[in-house]
Structures are given as structure tokens and as C-alpha cells.
């Protein structure tokens, strides 16, 4: 099972690296834009104090959340549509790549004719997906932590905020 998980991760390393880099860059840019727009004061002047645009509050999950406060803005990066597409891509590419790689390399014939229980193969696939998903979301958490420390406006945000949001996601 471990060999199969490592083989899958090795075969998909380039796509997982790209998805992780995409999540990292997205959250770094997201953290950088808070200061560029003037922080909570800048957003308050642009949209009115306490009035978040309905489109943005729809993505945040609550119409009562002030997504322009530093904590909520950083957490909103994990609910951003681009971030969601990147993390969903991990799940989709995991299943597709596992089957395609098995067929291309001839591993499928060995796996399904060997005395290996199909449940063990499924367990290996799910473990590979979980490791890949944690790695890609981990890149986003690292970017949120680094970005918040580099931003003067987001530096007061607790390091636990990105971790909690990532676990909830």
C-alpha cells in the first residue's frame, strides 16, 4: 500500500507542485492586496463602513461577516473561488491520474491480477489523495502566515486563523 501511495505521488508530483505553488501565490497576493487597498479604512471608504458587497459576502458564507476586517479578510482567501478550484483540482486530478497512470505504465494488470485486495488499493488511493490535499492546502497556510507577517495591516492576525480556516475547509 505504501509503495502504491509513493508511486502515485511521484507520478503526480509536477501537477501537485503546480497546484501547491498556485495556492501559495494566490494567498500571498491576497495578503498583499489588503495593504495595497488601504486596509480596513480603505475598504470602508470604498464600500461604506460595515457594508460588504453582496457578491463577496456570498463567498464568505455569511451576510453578517465583515470580510474587510483583517481576520476575516485573511480567512476569506480560503473561500475565494480560485482557491476552491485549485483544491478541487487536487481531488479530480488524483482520481484521474491514478487510473491513467496505472493503465499507461501497465501497473493496472499487475494490481488487479495480483492477490491484492481491492480494498487495499482503494485505501492507498484515498491515502494518496489525503496526502496531496494536505500538502496543497498546507502551501496556502504557509503563504497566509508569511503574507500576514509581511503585511503591516495583517500582522495583528493570529497565526491560528489560517490554520483554523484550513482545518474547517
N, C-alpha and C. Protein backbone atom coordinates (compact mmCIF):
# COMPACT_ATOMS: atom_id res chain seq x y z
N UNK A 1 0.83 -1.18 0.00
CA UNK A 1 0.00 0.00 0.00
C UNK A 1 0.88 1.26 0.00
N UNK A 2 1.89 1.28 0.83
CA UNK A 2 2.79 2.43 0.90
C UNK A 2 3.51 2.64 -0.43
N UNK A 3 3.90 1.56 -1.06
CA UNK A 3 4.59 1.66 -2.35
C UNK A 3 3.67 2.27 -3.39
N UNK A 4 2.42 1.88 -3.39
CA UNK A 4 1.46 2.42 -4.34
C UNK A 4 1.20 3.91 -4.10
N UNK A 5 1.11 4.30 -2.83
CA UNK A 5 0.91 5.72 -2.50
C UNK A 5 2.10 6.54 -2.97
N UNK A 6 3.30 6.06 -2.70
CA UNK A 6 4.51 6.80 -3.12
C UNK A 6 4.63 6.86 -4.64
N UNK A 7 4.26 5.78 -5.31
CA UNK A 7 4.31 5.78 -6.78
C UNK A 7 3.32 6.78 -7.35
N UNK A 8 2.12 6.84 -6.78
CA UNK A 8 1.13 7.81 -7.24
C UNK A 8 1.59 9.24 -7.02
N UNK A 9 2.12 9.52 -5.85
CA UNK A 9 2.58 10.87 -5.55
C UNK A 9 3.77 11.27 -6.42
N UNK A 10 4.64 10.32 -6.68
CA UNK A 10 5.79 10.60 -7.55
C UNK A 10 5.33 10.87 -8.98
N UNK A 11 4.35 10.11 -9.45
CA UNK A 11 3.86 10.29 -10.82
C UNK A 11 3.13 11.63 -10.98
N UNK A 12 2.52 12.13 -9.91
CA UNK A 12 1.76 13.37 -9.98
C UNK A 12 2.50 14.54 -9.35
N UNK A 13 3.77 14.40 -9.13
CA UNK A 13 4.50 15.44 -8.40
C UNK A 13 4.47 16.79 -9.12
N UNK A 14 4.58 16.80 -10.44
CA UNK A 14 4.59 18.09 -11.14
C UNK A 14 3.25 18.81 -11.03
N UNK A 15 2.16 18.07 -11.19
CA UNK A 15 0.86 18.73 -11.07
C UNK A 15 0.60 19.17 -9.64
N UNK A 16 1.01 18.36 -8.66
CA UNK A 16 0.83 18.76 -7.27
C UNK A 16 1.71 19.96 -6.91
N UNK A 17 2.91 19.99 -7.47
CA UNK A 17 3.78 21.15 -7.25
C UNK A 17 3.14 22.42 -7.82
N UNK A 18 2.56 22.29 -9.00
CA UNK A 18 1.92 23.45 -9.64
C UNK A 18 0.70 23.91 -8.85
N UNK A 19 -0.12 22.97 -8.38
CA UNK A 19 -1.29 23.34 -7.59
C UNK A 19 -0.88 23.96 -6.26
N UNK A 20 0.14 23.41 -5.62
CA UNK A 20 0.65 23.99 -4.37
C UNK A 20 1.21 25.38 -4.59
N UNK A 21 1.96 25.57 -5.67
CA UNK A 21 2.51 26.89 -5.98
C UNK A 21 1.39 27.88 -6.29
N UNK A 22 0.35 27.41 -6.96
CA UNK A 22 -0.79 28.29 -7.26
C UNK A 22 -1.48 28.74 -5.99
N UNK A 23 -1.70 27.82 -5.06
CA UNK A 23 -2.32 28.18 -3.78
C UNK A 23 -1.43 29.13 -2.99
N UNK A 24 -0.13 28.86 -3.01
CA UNK A 24 0.81 29.72 -2.29
C UNK A 24 0.78 31.14 -2.86
N UNK A 25 0.87 31.26 -4.18
CA UNK A 25 0.88 32.59 -4.80
C UNK A 25 -0.45 33.31 -4.60
N UNK A 26 -1.55 32.59 -4.70
CA UNK A 26 -2.85 33.22 -4.52
C UNK A 26 -2.98 33.82 -3.12
N UNK A 27 -2.60 33.08 -2.10
CA UNK A 27 -2.73 33.60 -0.74
C UNK A 27 -1.71 34.70 -0.45
N UNK A 28 -0.53 34.63 -1.06
CA UNK A 28 0.44 35.72 -0.90
C UNK A 28 -0.09 37.00 -1.54
N UNK A 29 -0.64 36.88 -2.74
CA UNK A 29 -1.21 38.05 -3.41
C UNK A 29 -2.41 38.57 -2.62
N UNK A 30 -3.22 37.66 -2.13
CA UNK A 30 -4.40 38.06 -1.36
C UNK A 30 -3.98 38.83 -0.12
N UNK A 31 -2.97 38.34 0.59
CA UNK A 31 -2.48 39.04 1.79
C UNK A 31 -1.87 40.39 1.42
N UNK A 32 -1.22 40.46 0.27
CA UNK A 32 -0.61 41.71 -0.16
C UNK A 32 -1.62 42.76 -0.60
N UNK A 33 -2.77 42.32 -1.08
CA UNK A 33 -3.76 43.29 -1.55
C UNK A 33 -4.45 44.04 -0.41
N UNK A 34 -4.45 43.47 0.78
CA UNK A 34 -5.12 44.14 1.90
C UNK A 34 -4.45 45.48 2.18
N UNK A 35 -3.16 45.49 2.25
CA UNK A 35 -2.44 46.74 2.49
C UNK A 35 -2.48 47.66 1.28
N UNK A 36 -2.45 47.07 0.09
CA UNK A 36 -2.47 47.87 -1.13
C UNK A 36 -3.77 48.66 -1.27
N UNK A 37 -4.88 48.10 -0.78
CA UNK A 37 -6.16 48.80 -0.84
C UNK A 37 -6.40 49.70 0.35
N UNK A 38 -5.45 49.77 1.25
CA UNK A 38 -5.58 50.68 2.38
C UNK A 38 -6.14 50.06 3.64
N UNK A 39 -6.17 48.74 3.71
CA UNK A 39 -6.65 48.06 4.91
C UNK A 39 -8.14 48.27 5.12
N UNK A 40 -8.55 48.13 6.38
CA UNK A 40 -9.98 48.25 6.71
C UNK A 40 -10.50 49.66 6.41
N UNK A 41 -9.66 50.67 6.61
CA UNK A 41 -10.09 52.05 6.31
C UNK A 41 -10.33 52.24 4.82
N UNK A 42 -9.43 51.70 4.01
CA UNK A 42 -9.58 51.82 2.56
C UNK A 42 -10.82 51.11 2.05
N UNK A 43 -11.08 49.93 2.56
CA UNK A 43 -12.28 49.20 2.15
C UNK A 43 -13.54 49.90 2.67
N UNK A 44 -13.44 50.48 3.88
CA UNK A 44 -14.58 51.21 4.42
C UNK A 44 -14.93 52.43 3.58
N UNK A 45 -13.91 53.13 3.10
CA UNK A 45 -14.16 54.29 2.24
C UNK A 45 -14.72 53.88 0.88
N UNK A 46 -14.24 52.75 0.37
CA UNK A 46 -14.68 52.30 -0.95
C UNK A 46 -16.09 51.73 -0.94
N UNK A 47 -16.44 50.97 0.08
CA UNK A 47 -17.72 50.28 0.09
C UNK A 47 -18.68 50.79 1.16
N UNK A 48 -18.23 51.67 2.00
CA UNK A 48 -19.07 52.13 3.11
C UNK A 48 -18.79 51.28 4.33
N UNK A 49 -18.68 51.92 5.46
CA UNK A 49 -18.33 51.21 6.69
C UNK A 49 -19.38 50.16 7.03
N UNK A 50 -18.92 48.94 7.23
CA UNK A 50 -19.79 47.84 7.63
C UNK A 50 -20.66 47.28 6.52
N UNK A 51 -20.46 47.72 5.29
CA UNK A 51 -21.28 47.24 4.17
C UNK A 51 -20.39 46.51 3.18
N UNK A 52 -20.38 45.21 3.26
CA UNK A 52 -19.61 44.41 2.32
C UNK A 52 -20.48 44.16 1.09
N UNK A 53 -19.88 44.13 -0.09
CA UNK A 53 -20.66 43.84 -1.30
C UNK A 53 -21.29 42.45 -1.20
N UNK A 54 -22.51 42.32 -1.71
CA UNK A 54 -23.24 41.06 -1.61
C UNK A 54 -22.51 39.91 -2.30
N UNK A 55 -21.82 40.20 -3.39
CA UNK A 55 -21.07 39.15 -4.09
C UNK A 55 -19.98 38.57 -3.19
N UNK A 56 -19.27 39.43 -2.49
CA UNK A 56 -18.19 38.95 -1.62
C UNK A 56 -18.74 38.25 -0.39
N UNK A 57 -19.83 38.75 0.18
CA UNK A 57 -20.38 38.09 1.36
C UNK A 57 -20.99 36.74 0.99
N UNK A 58 -21.41 36.58 -0.25
CA UNK A 58 -21.92 35.27 -0.68
C UNK A 58 -20.82 34.23 -0.62
N UNK A 59 -19.61 34.60 -1.00
CA UNK A 59 -18.49 33.66 -0.94
C UNK A 59 -18.00 33.44 0.49
N UNK A 60 -18.18 34.44 1.35
CA UNK A 60 -17.69 34.30 2.72
C UNK A 60 -18.57 33.39 3.56
N UNK A 61 -19.80 33.14 3.12
CA UNK A 61 -20.66 32.21 3.82
C UNK A 61 -21.64 32.86 4.78
N UNK A 62 -21.52 34.16 5.01
CA UNK A 62 -22.43 34.82 5.94
C UNK A 62 -22.57 36.28 5.52
N UNK A 63 -23.80 36.75 5.48
CA UNK A 63 -24.01 38.15 5.12
C UNK A 63 -23.68 39.09 6.28
N UNK A 64 -23.54 38.55 7.49
CA UNK A 64 -23.23 39.39 8.64
C UNK A 64 -21.73 39.51 8.90
N UNK A 65 -20.91 38.73 8.20
CA UNK A 65 -19.46 38.79 8.42
C UNK A 65 -18.87 40.01 7.73
N UNK A 66 -18.05 40.73 8.46
CA UNK A 66 -17.33 41.87 7.88
C UNK A 66 -16.03 41.34 7.30
N UNK A 67 -16.04 41.04 6.01
CA UNK A 67 -14.85 40.41 5.42
C UNK A 67 -13.69 41.38 5.26
N UNK A 68 -13.91 42.65 5.54
CA UNK A 68 -12.82 43.60 5.41
C UNK A 68 -12.04 43.79 6.71
N UNK A 69 -12.45 43.13 7.79
CA UNK A 69 -11.62 43.15 9.00
C UNK A 69 -10.43 42.22 8.73
N UNK A 70 -9.28 42.47 9.33
CA UNK A 70 -8.08 41.69 8.99
C UNK A 70 -8.26 40.18 9.14
N UNK A 71 -8.86 39.72 10.23
CA UNK A 71 -9.04 38.27 10.43
C UNK A 71 -9.91 37.67 9.34
N UNK A 72 -11.05 38.31 9.08
CA UNK A 72 -11.98 37.77 8.11
C UNK A 72 -11.47 37.88 6.68
N UNK A 73 -10.70 38.93 6.39
CA UNK A 73 -10.15 39.07 5.05
C UNK A 73 -9.16 37.95 4.75
N UNK A 74 -8.30 37.65 5.71
CA UNK A 74 -7.33 36.58 5.51
C UNK A 74 -8.04 35.24 5.40
N UNK A 75 -9.06 35.03 6.21
CA UNK A 75 -9.83 33.79 6.14
C UNK A 75 -10.60 33.70 4.83
N UNK A 76 -11.03 34.84 4.30
CA UNK A 76 -11.76 34.85 3.04
C UNK A 76 -10.91 34.31 1.89
N UNK A 77 -9.61 34.43 1.99
CA UNK A 77 -8.74 33.88 0.96
C UNK A 77 -8.92 32.37 0.77
N UNK A 78 -9.30 31.69 1.85
CA UNK A 78 -9.52 30.24 1.77
C UNK A 78 -10.90 29.90 1.22
N UNK A 79 -11.77 30.89 1.07
CA UNK A 79 -13.08 30.67 0.46
C UNK A 79 -13.16 31.30 -0.93
N UNK A 80 -12.06 31.88 -1.38
CA UNK A 80 -12.03 32.52 -2.69
C UNK A 80 -12.25 31.46 -3.78
N UNK A 81 -13.00 31.79 -4.81
CA UNK A 81 -13.29 30.80 -5.86
C UNK A 81 -12.05 30.19 -6.51
N UNK A 82 -11.00 30.97 -6.71
CA UNK A 82 -9.79 30.42 -7.33
C UNK A 82 -9.16 29.38 -6.39
N UNK A 83 -9.13 29.67 -5.10
CA UNK A 83 -8.58 28.71 -4.14
C UNK A 83 -9.42 27.43 -4.15
N UNK A 84 -10.73 27.57 -4.19
CA UNK A 84 -11.60 26.40 -4.20
C UNK A 84 -11.38 25.56 -5.45
N UNK A 85 -11.19 26.20 -6.59
CA UNK A 85 -10.94 25.46 -7.83
C UNK A 85 -9.60 24.73 -7.75
N UNK A 86 -8.59 25.37 -7.20
CA UNK A 86 -7.28 24.72 -7.08
C UNK A 86 -7.34 23.50 -6.16
N UNK A 87 -8.06 23.62 -5.06
CA UNK A 87 -8.13 22.49 -4.14
C UNK A 87 -9.04 21.38 -4.67
N UNK A 88 -10.08 21.74 -5.39
CA UNK A 88 -10.92 20.71 -6.02
C UNK A 88 -10.14 20.00 -7.11
N UNK A 89 -9.25 20.72 -7.76
CA UNK A 89 -8.42 20.11 -8.81
C UNK A 89 -7.55 18.99 -8.27
N UNK A 90 -7.16 19.10 -7.01
CA UNK A 90 -6.37 18.03 -6.39
C UNK A 90 -7.18 16.75 -6.36
N UNK A 91 -8.43 16.85 -5.93
CA UNK A 91 -9.28 15.67 -5.84
C UNK A 91 -9.56 15.07 -7.21
N UNK A 92 -9.87 15.93 -8.17
CA UNK A 92 -10.19 15.44 -9.52
C UNK A 92 -8.96 14.82 -10.17
N UNK A 93 -7.85 15.53 -10.08
CA UNK A 93 -6.64 15.01 -10.72
C UNK A 93 -6.12 13.75 -10.04
N UNK A 94 -6.38 13.60 -8.74
CA UNK A 94 -5.94 12.39 -8.04
C UNK A 94 -6.60 11.15 -8.62
N UNK A 95 -7.90 11.19 -8.78
CA UNK A 95 -8.61 10.04 -9.31
C UNK A 95 -8.27 9.76 -10.76
N UNK A 96 -8.24 10.81 -11.56
CA UNK A 96 -7.95 10.64 -12.99
C UNK A 96 -6.52 10.17 -13.20
N UNK A 97 -5.59 10.79 -12.51
CA UNK A 97 -4.18 10.43 -12.70
C UNK A 97 -3.89 9.02 -12.19
N UNK A 98 -4.55 8.61 -11.13
CA UNK A 98 -4.31 7.26 -10.60
C UNK A 98 -4.69 6.21 -11.62
N UNK A 99 -5.84 6.37 -12.23
CA UNK A 99 -6.28 5.39 -13.22
C UNK A 99 -5.43 5.48 -14.49
N UNK A 100 -5.20 6.70 -14.98
CA UNK A 100 -4.43 6.87 -16.21
C UNK A 100 -3.00 6.36 -16.06
N UNK A 101 -2.39 6.62 -14.94
CA UNK A 101 -1.01 6.17 -14.72
C UNK A 101 -0.95 4.65 -14.63
N UNK A 102 -1.93 4.05 -13.98
CA UNK A 102 -1.95 2.59 -13.90
C UNK A 102 -2.07 1.96 -15.28
N UNK A 103 -2.89 2.53 -16.12
CA UNK A 103 -3.08 1.97 -17.47
C UNK A 103 -1.84 2.22 -18.32
N UNK A 104 -1.29 3.42 -18.29
CA UNK A 104 -0.13 3.77 -19.11
C UNK A 104 1.11 2.96 -18.75
N UNK A 105 1.34 2.75 -17.47
CA UNK A 105 2.56 2.06 -17.05
C UNK A 105 2.41 0.55 -17.02
N UNK A 106 1.18 0.06 -17.17
CA UNK A 106 0.96 -1.38 -17.09
C UNK A 106 0.80 -1.87 -15.67
N UNK A 107 0.76 -0.95 -14.74
CA UNK A 107 0.61 -1.32 -13.34
C UNK A 107 -0.79 -1.87 -13.06
N UNK A 108 -1.76 -1.50 -13.89
CA UNK A 108 -3.14 -1.96 -13.67
C UNK A 108 -3.23 -3.48 -13.78
N UNK A 109 -2.56 -4.05 -14.78
CA UNK A 109 -2.60 -5.50 -14.93
C UNK A 109 -1.97 -6.20 -13.73
N UNK A 110 -0.88 -5.62 -13.22
CA UNK A 110 -0.22 -6.22 -12.07
C UNK A 110 -1.08 -6.09 -10.81
N UNK A 111 -1.71 -4.94 -10.64
CA UNK A 111 -2.50 -4.71 -9.43
C UNK A 111 -3.75 -5.59 -9.39
N UNK A 112 -4.44 -5.66 -10.51
CA UNK A 112 -5.73 -6.34 -10.49
C UNK A 112 -5.62 -7.84 -10.72
N UNK A 113 -4.44 -8.34 -11.09
CA UNK A 113 -4.27 -9.79 -11.20
C UNK A 113 -3.51 -10.35 -10.00
N UNK A 114 -2.82 -9.50 -9.27
CA UNK A 114 -2.08 -9.95 -8.08
C UNK A 114 -3.07 -10.20 -6.93
N UNK A 115 -2.66 -10.99 -5.99
CA UNK A 115 -3.56 -11.26 -4.85
C UNK A 115 -3.58 -10.10 -3.85
N UNK A 116 -3.96 -8.92 -4.37
CA UNK A 116 -4.06 -7.73 -3.52
C UNK A 116 -5.54 -7.40 -3.40
N UNK A 117 -6.04 -7.27 -2.20
CA UNK A 117 -7.45 -6.94 -2.04
C UNK A 117 -7.76 -5.56 -2.64
N UNK A 118 -8.88 -5.46 -3.29
CA UNK A 118 -9.27 -4.18 -3.90
C UNK A 118 -9.44 -3.09 -2.84
N UNK A 119 -9.81 -3.49 -1.64
CA UNK A 119 -9.94 -2.51 -0.55
C UNK A 119 -8.58 -1.89 -0.22
N UNK A 120 -7.52 -2.66 -0.35
CA UNK A 120 -6.17 -2.13 -0.09
C UNK A 120 -5.79 -1.11 -1.16
N UNK A 121 -6.19 -1.37 -2.40
CA UNK A 121 -5.90 -0.42 -3.48
C UNK A 121 -6.69 0.87 -3.25
N UNK A 122 -7.96 0.73 -2.88
CA UNK A 122 -8.79 1.91 -2.60
C UNK A 122 -8.21 2.69 -1.42
N UNK A 123 -7.78 2.00 -0.38
CA UNK A 123 -7.17 2.66 0.78
C UNK A 123 -5.91 3.42 0.36
N UNK A 124 -5.11 2.84 -0.52
CA UNK A 124 -3.90 3.51 -1.00
C UNK A 124 -4.26 4.76 -1.80
N UNK A 125 -5.29 4.67 -2.63
CA UNK A 125 -5.71 5.83 -3.43
C UNK A 125 -6.21 6.96 -2.52
N UNK A 126 -6.99 6.60 -1.52
CA UNK A 126 -7.51 7.62 -0.60
C UNK A 126 -6.40 8.24 0.24
N UNK A 127 -5.44 7.43 0.63
CA UNK A 127 -4.30 7.95 1.39
C UNK A 127 -3.48 8.90 0.53
N UNK A 128 -3.27 8.54 -0.73
CA UNK A 128 -2.55 9.42 -1.65
C UNK A 128 -3.26 10.74 -1.86
N UNK A 129 -4.59 10.67 -2.00
CA UNK A 129 -5.36 11.91 -2.15
C UNK A 129 -5.25 12.77 -0.90
N UNK A 130 -5.35 12.16 0.27
CA UNK A 130 -5.29 12.91 1.52
C UNK A 130 -3.93 13.59 1.70
N UNK A 131 -2.88 12.88 1.38
CA UNK A 131 -1.54 13.47 1.49
C UNK A 131 -1.40 14.64 0.51
N UNK A 132 -1.88 14.45 -0.72
CA UNK A 132 -1.79 15.51 -1.72
C UNK A 132 -2.62 16.72 -1.31
N UNK A 133 -3.83 16.48 -0.81
CA UNK A 133 -4.71 17.58 -0.41
C UNK A 133 -4.10 18.36 0.75
N UNK A 134 -3.55 17.66 1.72
CA UNK A 134 -2.93 18.33 2.87
C UNK A 134 -1.71 19.13 2.42
N UNK A 135 -0.95 18.61 1.49
CA UNK A 135 0.23 19.33 1.01
C UNK A 135 -0.15 20.62 0.28
N UNK A 136 -1.16 20.56 -0.56
CA UNK A 136 -1.57 21.75 -1.32
C UNK A 136 -2.19 22.79 -0.40
N UNK A 137 -3.06 22.38 0.50
CA UNK A 137 -3.66 23.33 1.44
C UNK A 137 -2.59 23.84 2.40
N UNK A 138 -1.63 23.00 2.73
CA UNK A 138 -0.51 23.44 3.58
C UNK A 138 0.29 24.57 2.94
N UNK A 139 0.44 24.52 1.62
CA UNK A 139 1.12 25.62 0.92
C UNK A 139 0.35 26.92 1.09
N UNK A 140 -0.97 26.85 1.05
CA UNK A 140 -1.79 28.04 1.24
C UNK A 140 -1.67 28.56 2.67
N UNK A 141 -1.63 27.67 3.64
CA UNK A 141 -1.49 28.08 5.04
C UNK A 141 -0.15 28.78 5.25
N UNK A 142 0.90 28.22 4.70
CA UNK A 142 2.22 28.84 4.81
C UNK A 142 2.21 30.22 4.17
N UNK A 143 1.58 30.34 3.01
CA UNK A 143 1.52 31.65 2.34
C UNK A 143 0.73 32.65 3.17
N UNK A 144 -0.38 32.21 3.77
CA UNK A 144 -1.17 33.12 4.61
C UNK A 144 -0.37 33.56 5.83
N UNK A 145 0.38 32.65 6.41
CA UNK A 145 1.20 33.00 7.57
C UNK A 145 2.31 33.97 7.18
N UNK A 146 3.01 33.68 6.09
CA UNK A 146 4.10 34.56 5.64
C UNK A 146 3.53 35.92 5.20
N UNK A 147 2.45 35.89 4.42
CA UNK A 147 1.85 37.13 3.94
C UNK A 147 1.34 38.01 5.06
N UNK A 148 0.76 37.38 6.08
CA UNK A 148 0.25 38.19 7.19
C UNK A 148 1.38 38.78 8.02
N UNK A 149 2.50 38.11 8.09
CA UNK A 149 3.64 38.66 8.83
C UNK A 149 4.33 39.77 8.04
N UNK A 150 4.27 39.72 6.71
CA UNK A 150 4.89 40.75 5.89
C UNK A 150 4.01 41.99 5.75
N UNK A 151 2.73 41.85 5.98
CA UNK A 151 1.79 42.95 5.85
C UNK A 151 1.65 43.68 7.18
N UNK A 152 1.78 44.97 7.15
CA UNK A 152 1.63 45.74 8.38
C UNK A 152 0.20 45.70 8.91
N UNK A 153 -0.78 45.67 7.99
CA UNK A 153 -2.18 45.67 8.40
C UNK A 153 -2.64 44.31 8.90
N UNK A 154 -2.05 43.24 8.39
CA UNK A 154 -2.47 41.89 8.78
C UNK A 154 -1.59 41.28 9.87
N UNK A 155 -0.59 42.01 10.31
CA UNK A 155 0.35 41.44 11.28
C UNK A 155 -0.30 41.15 12.63
N UNK A 156 -1.42 41.79 12.93
CA UNK A 156 -2.11 41.55 14.20
C UNK A 156 -2.97 40.29 14.17
N UNK A 157 -3.12 39.70 13.01
CA UNK A 157 -3.94 38.49 12.88
C UNK A 157 -3.20 37.33 13.53
N UNK A 158 -3.91 36.57 14.32
CA UNK A 158 -3.33 35.42 14.99
C UNK A 158 -2.89 34.37 13.98
N UNK A 159 -1.75 33.72 14.20
CA UNK A 159 -1.32 32.65 13.29
C UNK A 159 -2.29 31.47 13.28
N UNK A 160 -3.15 31.39 14.27
CA UNK A 160 -4.13 30.29 14.31
C UNK A 160 -5.27 30.48 13.31
N UNK A 161 -5.49 31.70 12.83
CA UNK A 161 -6.60 31.95 11.91
C UNK A 161 -6.46 31.13 10.64
N UNK A 162 -5.33 31.18 9.92
CA UNK A 162 -5.24 30.35 8.71
C UNK A 162 -5.31 28.86 9.00
N UNK A 163 -4.75 28.44 10.13
CA UNK A 163 -4.80 27.03 10.47
C UNK A 163 -6.24 26.58 10.73
N UNK A 164 -7.00 27.36 11.48
CA UNK A 164 -8.39 27.01 11.76
C UNK A 164 -9.23 26.98 10.50
N UNK A 165 -9.02 27.97 9.63
CA UNK A 165 -9.81 28.03 8.39
C UNK A 165 -9.46 26.86 7.49
N UNK A 166 -8.19 26.50 7.43
CA UNK A 166 -7.79 25.37 6.60
C UNK A 166 -8.37 24.06 7.11
N UNK A 167 -8.39 23.89 8.42
CA UNK A 167 -8.97 22.67 9.00
C UNK A 167 -10.47 22.64 8.76
N UNK A 168 -11.13 23.77 8.88
CA UNK A 168 -12.57 23.82 8.63
C UNK A 168 -12.87 23.51 7.17
N UNK A 169 -11.99 23.94 6.27
CA UNK A 169 -12.21 23.69 4.84
C UNK A 169 -12.07 22.25 4.51
